[in-house]
C-alpha atoms as a PDB file:
ATOM      1  CA  UNK A   1     -89.226  43.699 -30.778  1.00  0.00           C
ATOM      2  CA  UNK A   2     -86.318  43.300 -28.398  1.00  0.00           C
ATOM      3  CA  UNK A   3     -84.370  40.072 -28.502  1.00  0.00           C
ATOM      4  CA  UNK A   4     -81.217  39.013 -26.787  1.00  0.00           C
ATOM      5  CA  UNK A   5     -78.423  36.597 -27.535  1.00  0.00           C
ATOM      6  CA  UNK A   6     -76.358  34.649 -25.095  1.00  0.00           C
ATOM      7  CA  UNK A   7     -73.233  33.603 -26.916  1.00  0.00           C
ATOM      8  CA  UNK A   8     -70.190  31.986 -25.397  1.00  0.00           C
ATOM      9  CA  UNK A   9     -66.908  33.815 -25.970  1.00  0.00           C
ATOM     10  CA  UNK A  10     -63.642  31.962 -26.407  1.00  0.00           C
ATOM     11  CA  UNK A  11     -61.080  34.468 -25.123  1.00  0.00           C
ATOM     12  CA  UNK A  12     -57.349  33.942 -25.105  1.00  0.00           C
ATOM     13  CA  UNK A  13     -55.670  34.042 -21.664  1.00  0.00           C
ATOM     14  CA  UNK A  14     -54.731  37.703 -22.218  1.00  0.00           C
ATOM     15  CA  UNK A  15     -58.307  38.555 -23.148  1.00  0.00           C
ATOM     16  CA  UNK A  16     -59.610  36.722 -20.076  1.00  0.00           C
ATOM     17  CA  UNK A  17     -57.330  38.901 -17.920  1.00  0.00           C
ATOM     18  CA  UNK A  18     -58.735  42.020 -19.622  1.00  0.00           C
ATOM     19  CA  UNK A  19     -62.300  40.859 -18.937  1.00  0.00           C
ATOM     20  CA  UNK A  20     -61.438  40.265 -15.268  1.00  0.00           C
ATOM     21  CA  UNK A  21     -59.853  43.741 -15.030  1.00  0.00           C
ATOM     22  CA  UNK A  22     -62.909  45.338 -16.616  1.00  0.00           C
ATOM     23  CA  UNK A  23     -65.312  43.534 -14.276  1.00  0.00           C
ATOM     24  CA  UNK A  24     -63.181  44.452 -11.240  1.00  0.00           C
ATOM     25  CA  UNK A  25     -63.012  48.077 -12.366  1.00  0.00           C
ATOM     26  CA  UNK A  26     -66.793  48.192 -12.742  1.00  0.00           C
ATOM     27  CA  UNK A  27     -67.276  46.749  -9.253  1.00  0.00           C
ATOM     28  CA  UNK A  28     -64.749  49.189  -7.740  1.00  0.00           C
ATOM     29  CA  UNK A  29     -66.343  52.238  -9.398  1.00  0.00           C
ATOM     30  CA  UNK A  30     -69.852  51.195  -8.345  1.00  0.00           C
ATOM     31  CA  UNK A  31     -68.648  50.794  -4.763  1.00  0.00           C
ATOM     32  CA  UNK A  32     -66.774  54.121  -4.890  1.00  0.00           C
ATOM     33  CA  UNK A  33     -69.898  55.866  -6.172  1.00  0.00           C
ATOM     34  CA  UNK A  34     -72.093  54.283  -3.499  1.00  0.00           C
ATOM     35  CA  UNK A  35     -69.656  55.252  -0.730  1.00  0.00           C
ATOM     36  CA  UNK A  36     -69.406  58.800  -2.065  1.00  0.00           C
ATOM     37  CA  UNK A  37     -73.215  59.040  -2.318  1.00  0.00           C
ATOM     38  CA  UNK A  38     -73.508  57.978   1.334  1.00  0.00           C
ATOM     39  CA  UNK A  39     -70.795  60.431   2.390  1.00  0.00           C
ATOM     40  CA  UNK A  40     -72.487  63.316   0.590  1.00  0.00           C
ATOM     41  CA  UNK A  41     -75.892  62.352   1.995  1.00  0.00           C
ATOM     42  CA  UNK A  42     -74.499  62.264   5.555  1.00  0.00           C
ATOM     43  CA  UNK A  43     -72.981  65.722   4.955  1.00  0.00           C
ATOM     44  CA  UNK A  44     -76.408  67.039   3.954  1.00  0.00           C
ATOM     45  CA  UNK A  45     -75.674  67.348   0.242  1.00  0.00           C
ATOM     46  CA  UNK A  46     -77.835  66.063  -2.580  1.00  0.00           C
ATOM     47  CA  UNK A  47     -76.084  63.776  -5.045  1.00  0.00           C
ATOM     48  CA  UNK A  48     -76.753  62.237  -8.440  1.00  0.00           C
ATOM     49  CA  UNK A  49     -75.010  59.653 -10.575  1.00  0.00           C
ATOM     50  CA  UNK A  50     -74.097  62.279 -13.167  1.00  0.00           C
ATOM     51  CA  UNK A  51     -72.495  64.512 -10.527  1.00  0.00           C
ATOM     52  CA  UNK A  52     -70.583  61.543  -9.118  1.00  0.00           C
ATOM     53  CA  UNK A  53     -69.375  60.621 -12.605  1.00  0.00           C
ATOM     54  CA  UNK A  54     -68.065  64.154 -13.129  1.00  0.00           C
ATOM     55  CA  UNK A  55     -66.403  64.079  -9.705  1.00  0.00           C
ATOM     56  CA  UNK A  56     -64.813  60.706 -10.483  1.00  0.00           C
ATOM     57  CA  UNK A  57     -63.499  61.929 -13.840  1.00  0.00           C
ATOM     58  CA  UNK A  58     -61.794  64.910 -12.170  1.00  0.00           C
ATOM     59  CA  UNK A  59     -59.865  62.708  -9.719  1.00  0.00           C
ATOM     60  CA  UNK A  60     -59.452  59.712 -12.018  1.00  0.00           C
ATOM     61  CA  UNK A  61     -56.033  60.595 -13.413  1.00  0.00           C
ATOM     62  CA  UNK A  62     -54.361  61.180 -10.024  1.00  0.00           C
ATOM     63  CA  UNK A  63     -56.039  58.583  -7.831  1.00  0.00           C
ATOM     64  CA  UNK A  64     -57.135  55.832 -10.224  1.00  0.00           C
ATOM     65  CA  UNK A  65     -54.746  55.758 -13.227  1.00  0.00           C
ATOM     66  CA  UNK A  66     -55.303  52.003 -13.620  1.00  0.00           C
ATOM     67  CA  UNK A  67     -58.898  52.739 -14.687  1.00  0.00           C
ATOM     68  CA  UNK A  68     -57.549  53.828 -18.080  1.00  0.00           C
ATOM     69  CA  UNK A  69     -56.551  50.206 -18.816  1.00  0.00           C
ATOM     70  CA  UNK A  70     -60.159  49.357 -19.732  1.00  0.00           C
ATOM     71  CA  UNK A  71     -62.693  50.951 -22.035  1.00  0.00           C
ATOM     72  CA  UNK A  72     -64.669  53.951 -20.814  1.00  0.00           C
ATOM     73  CA  UNK A  73     -67.903  51.977 -21.247  1.00  0.00           C
ATOM     74  CA  UNK A  74     -67.031  50.147 -18.033  1.00  0.00           C
ATOM     75  CA  UNK A  75     -67.093  53.398 -16.063  1.00  0.00           C
ATOM     76  CA  UNK A  76     -70.236  54.687 -17.740  1.00  0.00           C
ATOM     77  CA  UNK A  77     -71.972  51.372 -17.085  1.00  0.00           C
ATOM     78  CA  UNK A  78     -71.034  51.405 -13.404  1.00  0.00           C
ATOM     79  CA  UNK A  79     -72.559  54.842 -12.898  1.00  0.00           C
ATOM     80  CA  UNK A  80     -75.620  53.835 -14.938  1.00  0.00           C
ATOM     81  CA  UNK A  81     -76.053  50.811 -12.647  1.00  0.00           C
ATOM     82  CA  UNK A  82     -75.698  53.045  -9.590  1.00  0.00           C
ATOM     83  CA  UNK A  83     -78.334  55.452 -10.931  1.00  0.00           C
ATOM     84  CA  UNK A  84     -80.658  52.537 -11.640  1.00  0.00           C
ATOM     85  CA  UNK A  85     -80.163  51.108  -8.145  1.00  0.00           C
ATOM     86  CA  UNK A  86     -81.076  54.403  -6.493  1.00  0.00           C
ATOM     87  CA  UNK A  87     -83.995  54.959  -8.882  1.00  0.00           C
ATOM     88  CA  UNK A  88     -85.430  51.558  -7.944  1.00  0.00           C
ATOM     89  CA  UNK A  89     -84.864  52.303  -4.265  1.00  0.00           C
ATOM     90  CA  UNK A  90     -86.618  55.682  -4.307  1.00  0.00           C
ATOM     91  CA  UNK A  91     -89.489  54.479  -6.516  1.00  0.00           C
ATOM     92  CA  UNK A  92     -89.954  51.517  -4.184  1.00  0.00           C
ATOM     93  CA  UNK A  93     -90.237  53.845  -1.198  1.00  0.00           C
ATOM     94  CA  UNK A  94     -92.835  56.005  -3.004  1.00  0.00           C
ATOM     95  CA  UNK A  95     -94.968  53.061  -4.089  1.00  0.00           C
ATOM     96  CA  UNK A  96     -94.742  51.217  -0.776  1.00  0.00           C
ATOM     97  CA  UNK A  97     -92.807  48.236  -2.139  1.00  0.00           C
ATOM     98  CA  UNK A  98     -90.052  46.805  -0.009  1.00  0.00           C
ATOM     99  CA  UNK A  99     -86.864  47.652  -1.911  1.00  0.00           C
ATOM    100  CA  UNK A 100     -83.569  47.628  -0.063  1.00  0.00           C
ATOM    101  CA  UNK A 101     -80.943  50.335  -0.106  1.00  0.00           C
ATOM    102  CA  UNK A 102     -78.257  49.661  -2.751  1.00  0.00           C
ATOM    103  CA  UNK A 103     -75.532  47.394  -1.437  1.00  0.00           C
ATOM    104  CA  UNK A 104     -71.843  47.284  -2.159  1.00  0.00           C
ATOM    105  CA  UNK A 105     -70.860  44.762  -4.802  1.00  0.00           C
ATOM    106  CA  UNK A 106     -68.732  41.874  -3.624  1.00  0.00           C
ATOM    107  CA  UNK A 107     -66.687  39.505  -5.677  1.00  0.00           C
ATOM    108  CA  UNK A 108     -68.430  36.504  -4.124  1.00  0.00           C
ATOM    109  CA  UNK A 109     -72.008  37.773  -4.254  1.00  0.00           C
ATOM    110  CA  UNK A 110     -72.334  39.810  -7.452  1.00  0.00           C
ATOM    111  CA  UNK A 111     -72.181  38.719 -11.069  1.00  0.00           C
ATOM    112  CA  UNK A 112     -68.894  39.674 -12.663  1.00  0.00           C
ATOM    113  CA  UNK A 113     -69.372  41.560 -15.893  1.00  0.00           C
ATOM    114  CA  UNK A 114     -69.553  44.879 -17.710  1.00  0.00           C
ATOM    115  CA  UNK A 115     -71.491  46.660 -20.434  1.00  0.00           C
ATOM    116  CA  UNK A 116     -70.424  47.871 -23.859  1.00  0.00           C
ATOM    117  CA  UNK A 117     -72.443  50.616 -25.535  1.00  0.00           C
ATOM    118  CA  UNK A 118     -73.768  50.026 -29.044  1.00  0.00           C
ATOM    119  CA  UNK A 119     -71.254  52.300 -30.760  1.00  0.00           C
ATOM    120  CA  UNK A 120     -68.234  50.907 -28.904  1.00  0.00           C
ATOM    121  CA  UNK A 121     -68.112  47.367 -30.284  1.00  0.00           C
ATOM    122  CA  UNK A 122     -68.622  45.576 -33.561  1.00  0.00           C
ATOM    123  CA  UNK A 123     -69.811  42.083 -34.435  1.00  0.00           C
ATOM    124  CA  UNK A 124     -68.897  40.372 -37.678  1.00  0.00           C
ATOM    125  CA  UNK A 125     -69.214  36.644 -38.191  1.00  0.00           C
ATOM    126  CA  UNK A 126     -67.655  34.780 -35.293  1.00  0.00           C
ATOM    127  CA  UNK A 127     -65.809  37.840 -33.985  1.00  0.00           C
ATOM    128  CA  UNK A 128     -66.608  40.528 -31.428  1.00  0.00           C
ATOM    129  CA  UNK A 129     -64.385  43.616 -31.558  1.00  0.00           C
ATOM    130  CA  UNK A 130     -63.930  45.093 -28.075  1.00  0.00           C
ATOM    131  CA  UNK A 131     -62.286  48.504 -27.535  1.00  0.00           C
ATOM    132  CA  UNK A 132     -58.724  48.385 -26.143  1.00  0.00           C
ATOM    133  CA  UNK A 133     -58.715  44.612 -26.605  1.00  0.00           C
ATOM    134  CA  UNK A 134     -59.300  43.656 -30.216  1.00  0.00           C
ATOM    135  CA  UNK A 135     -61.100  40.680 -31.694  1.00  0.00           C
ATOM    136  CA  UNK A 136     -62.587  38.032 -29.411  1.00  0.00           C
ATOM    137  CA  UNK A 137     -63.795  34.729 -30.833  1.00  0.00           C
ATOM    138  CA  UNK A 138     -67.493  33.915 -30.402  1.00  0.00           C
ATOM    139  CA  UNK A 139     -68.650  30.298 -30.323  1.00  0.00           C
ATOM    140  CA  UNK A 140     -71.419  31.009 -32.865  1.00  0.00           C
ATOM    141  CA  UNK A 141     -72.737  33.728 -35.131  1.00  0.00           C
ATOM    142  CA  UNK A 142     -75.640  36.001 -34.213  1.00  0.00           C
ATOM    143  CA  UNK A 143     -78.949  34.210 -34.687  1.00  0.00           C
ATOM    144  CA  UNK A 144     -81.065  37.303 -35.383  1.00  0.00           C
ATOM    145  CA  UNK A 145     -80.641  40.286 -37.677  1.00  0.00           C
ATOM    146  CA  UNK A 146     -81.125  43.864 -36.520  1.00  0.00           C
ATOM    147  CA  UNK A 147     -79.503  46.709 -34.693  1.00  0.00           C
ATOM    148  CA  UNK A 148     -77.430  45.749 -31.666  1.00  0.00           C
ATOM    149  CA  UNK A 149     -78.146  48.129 -28.800  1.00  0.00           C
ATOM    150  CA  UNK A 150     -75.638  46.955 -26.190  1.00  0.00           C
ATOM    151  CA  UNK A 151     -73.512  44.038 -25.079  1.00  0.00           C
ATOM    152  CA  UNK A 152     -73.198  42.732 -21.557  1.00  0.00           C
ATOM    153  CA  UNK A 153     -70.153  40.537 -21.036  1.00  0.00           C
ATOM    154  CA  UNK A 154     -70.466  38.363 -17.936  1.00  0.00           C
ATOM    155  CA  UNK A 155     -68.557  35.480 -16.474  1.00  0.00           C
ATOM    156  CA  UNK A 156     -70.314  32.258 -15.601  1.00  0.00           C
ATOM    157  CA  UNK A 157     -68.984  29.017 -14.215  1.00  0.00           C
ATOM    158  CA  UNK A 158     -67.611  26.721 -16.879  1.00  0.00           C
END
């Protein structure tokens, strides 16, 4: 059985800046991947999220050195979201459902957040350990026992 928790985090100001950087990096990489997909499609090439991820990793050090400030889960999550968006689009076309072409993420319109893979973070008591950040205080303990598959850190209005 799959269950989810929604637990408020109490980050310090430095941790809040890290979360904002990670969410902005995810949005930038998704938009870069979408633009590159469109460019390759217009040039007559076939693209995939895995190929775009490899292409991004080859140019990452020279063109986007600031992307190393956040955990690599942010980048992997952005390309996973891009793959999911195109999968939904193409499956919608095949089944006759009306599914729009993936759109660029905007700061105003999209939910700010990022994913952490299950082996990249740790939860113990009231603390969440995030890579390249450290311990972040949680408002409460986990309510259920079991294996944690992933974490999605999002920002909501307070």
